[in-house]
Amino acid sequence: MVAFNGAIGVGSFIGGLIVDSSGPRPVMLAAGAFAFAAMLLTALGGRREA
């Protein structure tokens, strides 16, 4: 499940970068960055807490 969420986070982050480069969409970029950060926190700390 973590890997699936991670893939979504990375996809959102990359998608946000692509959309941001083609047009001003800081909201998409921020959402992608937040998902990417949440994925990192889950991957690093989720195993210890779970």
Foldseek 3Di string as FASTA:
>chain_A
DLVVLQVVLQVQCVVLVVVCVVHPDVVSNVVSVVSNVVSVCCVVPVVVVD
